[in-house]
Amino acid sequence: MSAPILGPMATPELDYHADPAAFAAAQEALFTGQNLHVGSSRVAHAVDWVPWINGLRLPAPACRQGFAGHGALGELRPTTLPVSCRRCRRLRGLYNDGEQPALFALPD
């Protein structure tokens, strides 16, 4: 009998007794006044606040870009970079001139 190709996956320690209100407050402190990245993407999204449980709200991309989870494991990361997502920019009224932002700066 051969050995399994993949061993057991390491999983982060989770606190299953977490306080939802404390988690929502921590997310609010982390994302208020910020934009966000989804996963390892470099695209910066505008933050919108979506209903969660018991009247609490959590941050999400304004464009509703999909992601798995609810942010507890770092699926969303705050950033001070300007919004680069085209849909988020349009939703926030940032495309008044019709110009798409450059993906990177060109050398002079």
C-alpha atoms as a PDB file:
ATOM      1  CA  MET A   1       0.000   0.000   0.000  1.00  0.00           C
ATOM      2  CA  SER A   2       1.436   3.369  -0.997  1.00  0.00           C
ATOM      3  CA  ALA A   3       1.642   6.453   1.196  1.00  0.00           C
ATOM      4  CA  PRO A   4      -0.939   9.180   0.604  1.00  0.00           C
ATOM      5  CA  ILE A   5       0.144  11.909  -1.807  1.00  0.00           C
ATOM      6  CA  LEU A   6      -1.202  14.679   0.371  1.00  0.00           C
ATOM      7  CA  GLY A   7      -0.904  14.733   4.127  1.00  0.00           C
ATOM      8  CA  PRO A   8      -3.361  16.405   6.464  1.00  0.00           C
ATOM      9  CA  MET A   9      -3.731  20.115   5.823  1.00  0.00           C
ATOM     10  CA  ALA A  10      -2.754  22.564   8.528  1.00  0.00           C
ATOM     11  CA  THR A  11      -5.688  24.633   9.685  1.00  0.00           C
ATOM     12  CA  PRO A  12      -5.517  27.825  11.707  1.00  0.00           C
ATOM     13  CA  GLU A  13      -6.718  27.791  15.269  1.00  0.00           C
ATOM     14  CA  LEU A  14     -10.269  29.106  15.300  1.00  0.00           C
ATOM     15  CA  ASP A  15     -12.099  30.529  18.285  1.00  0.00           C
ATOM     16  CA  TYR A  16     -15.581  29.088  17.886  1.00  0.00           C
ATOM     17  CA  HIS A  17     -16.727  31.093  20.895  1.00  0.00           C
ATOM     18  CA  ALA A  18     -15.920  34.441  19.295  1.00  0.00           C
ATOM     19  CA  ASP A  19     -18.132  37.379  20.144  1.00  0.00           C
ATOM     20  CA  PRO A  20     -19.865  38.611  16.935  1.00  0.00           C
ATOM     21  CA  ALA A  21     -20.167  42.169  18.298  1.00  0.00           C
ATOM     22  CA  ALA A  22     -16.453  42.288  19.133  1.00  0.00           C
ATOM     23  CA  PHE A  23     -15.556  40.881  15.705  1.00  0.00           C
ATOM     24  CA  ALA A  24     -17.768  43.428  13.911  1.00  0.00           C
ATOM     25  CA  ALA A  25     -16.263  46.254  16.014  1.00  0.00           C
ATOM     26  CA  ALA A  26     -12.738  45.093  15.174  1.00  0.00           C
ATOM     27  CA  GLN A  27     -13.604  44.953  11.455  1.00  0.00           C
ATOM     28  CA  GLU A  28     -15.123  48.433  11.647  1.00  0.00           C
ATOM     29  CA  ALA A  29     -11.989  49.818  13.306  1.00  0.00           C
ATOM     30  CA  LEU A  30      -9.797  48.104  10.708  1.00  0.00           C
ATOM     31  CA  PHE A  31     -11.706  49.171   7.568  1.00  0.00           C
ATOM     32  CA  THR A  32     -13.229  52.573   8.405  1.00  0.00           C
ATOM     33  CA  GLY A  33     -11.655  55.175   6.132  1.00  0.00           C
ATOM     34  CA  GLN A  34      -9.825  52.490   4.142  1.00  0.00           C
ATOM     35  CA  ASN A  35     -10.233  50.648   0.869  1.00  0.00           C
ATOM     36  CA  LEU A  36      -9.726  46.894   0.647  1.00  0.00           C
ATOM     37  CA  HIS A  37      -8.080  44.067  -1.260  1.00  0.00           C
ATOM     38  CA  VAL A  38      -9.773  40.691  -1.732  1.00  0.00           C
ATOM     39  CA  GLY A  39      -7.332  37.874  -1.030  1.00  0.00           C
ATOM     40  CA  SER A  40      -3.948  38.419  -2.657  1.00  0.00           C
ATOM     41  CA  SER A  41      -5.349  40.605  -5.456  1.00  0.00           C
ATOM     42  CA  ARG A  42      -3.752  43.996  -6.019  1.00  0.00           C
ATOM     43  CA  VAL A  43      -7.078  45.512  -7.077  1.00  0.00           C
ATOM     44  CA  ALA A  44      -8.236  48.069  -4.501  1.00  0.00           C
ATOM     45  CA  HIS A  45     -11.991  48.076  -3.881  1.00  0.00           C
ATOM     46  CA  ALA A  46     -14.145  50.660  -2.149  1.00  0.00           C
ATOM     47  CA  VAL A  47     -15.568  49.462   1.184  1.00  0.00           C
ATOM     48  CA  ASP A  48     -19.279  48.997   1.673  1.00  0.00           C
ATOM     49  CA  TRP A  49     -20.923  47.785   4.875  1.00  0.00           C
ATOM     50  CA  VAL A  50     -23.272  44.832   4.531  1.00  0.00           C
ATOM     51  CA  PRO A  51     -25.743  43.434   7.084  1.00  0.00           C
ATOM     52  CA  TRP A  52     -24.477  40.412   8.979  1.00  0.00           C
ATOM     53  CA  ILE A  53     -26.209  39.102  12.134  1.00  0.00           C
ATOM     54  CA  ASN A  54     -28.093  40.805  14.965  1.00  0.00           C
ATOM     55  CA  GLY A  55     -27.974  44.160  13.184  1.00  0.00           C
ATOM     56  CA  LEU A  56     -24.172  44.070  12.905  1.00  0.00           C
ATOM     57  CA  ARG A  57     -22.394  44.989   9.691  1.00  0.00           C
ATOM     58  CA  LEU A  58     -19.196  43.757   8.057  1.00  0.00           C
ATOM     59  CA  PRO A  59     -17.041  45.282   5.302  1.00  0.00           C
ATOM     60  CA  ALA A  60     -17.334  44.025   1.740  1.00  0.00           C
ATOM     61  CA  PRO A  61     -16.272  45.259  -1.695  1.00  0.00           C
ATOM     62  CA  ALA A  62     -18.706  47.934  -2.868  1.00  0.00           C
ATOM     63  CA  CYS A  63     -18.893  46.198  -6.262  1.00  0.00           C
ATOM     64  CA  ARG A  64     -19.865  42.931  -4.526  1.00  0.00           C
ATOM     65  CA  GLN A  65     -16.794  41.111  -5.837  1.00  0.00           C
ATOM     66  CA  GLY A  66     -17.167  37.587  -4.538  1.00  0.00           C
ATOM     67  CA  PHE A  67     -15.000  36.090  -1.828  1.00  0.00           C
ATOM     68  CA  ALA A  68     -15.292  33.143   0.526  1.00  0.00           C
ATOM     69  CA  GLY A  69     -15.656  33.699   4.243  1.00  0.00           C
ATOM     70  CA  HIS A  70     -16.542  36.722   6.297  1.00  0.00           C
ATOM     71  CA  GLY A  71     -13.111  38.234   6.867  1.00  0.00           C
ATOM     72  CA  ALA A  72     -12.035  36.376  10.004  1.00  0.00           C
ATOM     73  CA  LEU A  73      -9.183  34.598   8.223  1.00  0.00           C
ATOM     74  CA  GLY A  74      -7.853  37.584   6.284  1.00  0.00           C
ATOM     75  CA  GLU A  75      -9.924  37.201   3.118  1.00  0.00           C
ATOM     76  CA  LEU A  76     -10.190  40.997   3.076  1.00  0.00           C
ATOM     77  CA  ARG A  77      -7.209  43.275   3.688  1.00  0.00           C
ATOM     78  CA  PRO A  78      -7.382  47.032   4.318  1.00  0.00           C
ATOM     79  CA  THR A  79      -5.361  49.364   2.096  1.00  0.00           C
ATOM     80  CA  THR A  80      -4.796  53.078   1.706  1.00  0.00           C
ATOM     81  CA  LEU A  81      -4.292  52.686  -2.053  1.00  0.00           C
ATOM     82  CA  PRO A  82      -6.842  54.523  -4.190  1.00  0.00           C
ATOM     83  CA  VAL A  83      -9.756  52.513  -5.589  1.00  0.00           C
ATOM     84  CA  SER A  84      -8.672  50.815  -8.828  1.00  0.00           C
ATOM     85  CA  CYS A  85     -11.683  48.526  -9.380  1.00  0.00           C
ATOM     86  CA  ARG A  86     -13.600  49.971 -12.330  1.00  0.00           C
ATOM     87  CA  ARG A  87     -17.000  49.009 -10.965  1.00  0.00           C
ATOM     88  CA  CYS A  88     -16.251  50.421  -7.481  1.00  0.00           C
ATOM     89  CA  ARG A  89     -15.003  53.645  -9.083  1.00  0.00           C
ATOM     90  CA  ARG A  90     -18.182  53.956 -11.132  1.00  0.00           C
ATOM     91  CA  LEU A  91     -20.382  53.203  -8.089  1.00  0.00           C
ATOM     92  CA  ARG A  92     -18.566  55.897  -6.105  1.00  0.00           C
ATOM     93  CA  GLY A  93     -18.770  58.432  -8.945  1.00  0.00           C
ATOM     94  CA  LEU A  94     -15.009  58.465  -9.462  1.00  0.00           C
ATOM     95  CA  TYR A  95     -15.215  58.097 -13.258  1.00  0.00           C
ATOM     96  CA  ASN A  96     -16.405  61.572 -14.111  1.00  0.00           C
ATOM     97  CA  ASP A  97     -13.782  62.059 -16.816  1.00  0.00           C
ATOM     98  CA  GLY A  98     -14.231  58.643 -18.479  1.00  0.00           C
ATOM     99  CA  GLU A  99     -10.540  57.815 -18.141  1.00  0.00           C
ATOM    100  CA  GLN A 100      -9.370  54.418 -16.916  1.00  0.00           C
ATOM    101  CA  PRO A 101      -6.502  54.589 -14.412  1.00  0.00           C
ATOM    102  CA  ALA A 102      -3.152  53.247 -15.556  1.00  0.00           C
ATOM    103  CA  LEU A 103      -2.209  49.761 -14.406  1.00  0.00           C
ATOM    104  CA  PHE A 104       1.370  50.884 -13.725  1.00  0.00           C
ATOM    105  CA  ALA A 105       3.513  53.973 -14.149  1.00  0.00           C
ATOM    106  CA  LEU A 106       5.459  54.189 -17.402  1.00  0.00           C
ATOM    107  CA  PRO A 107       9.156  55.138 -17.163  1.00  0.00           C
ATOM    108  CA  ASP A 108       9.998  58.700 -18.194  1.00  0.00           C
END
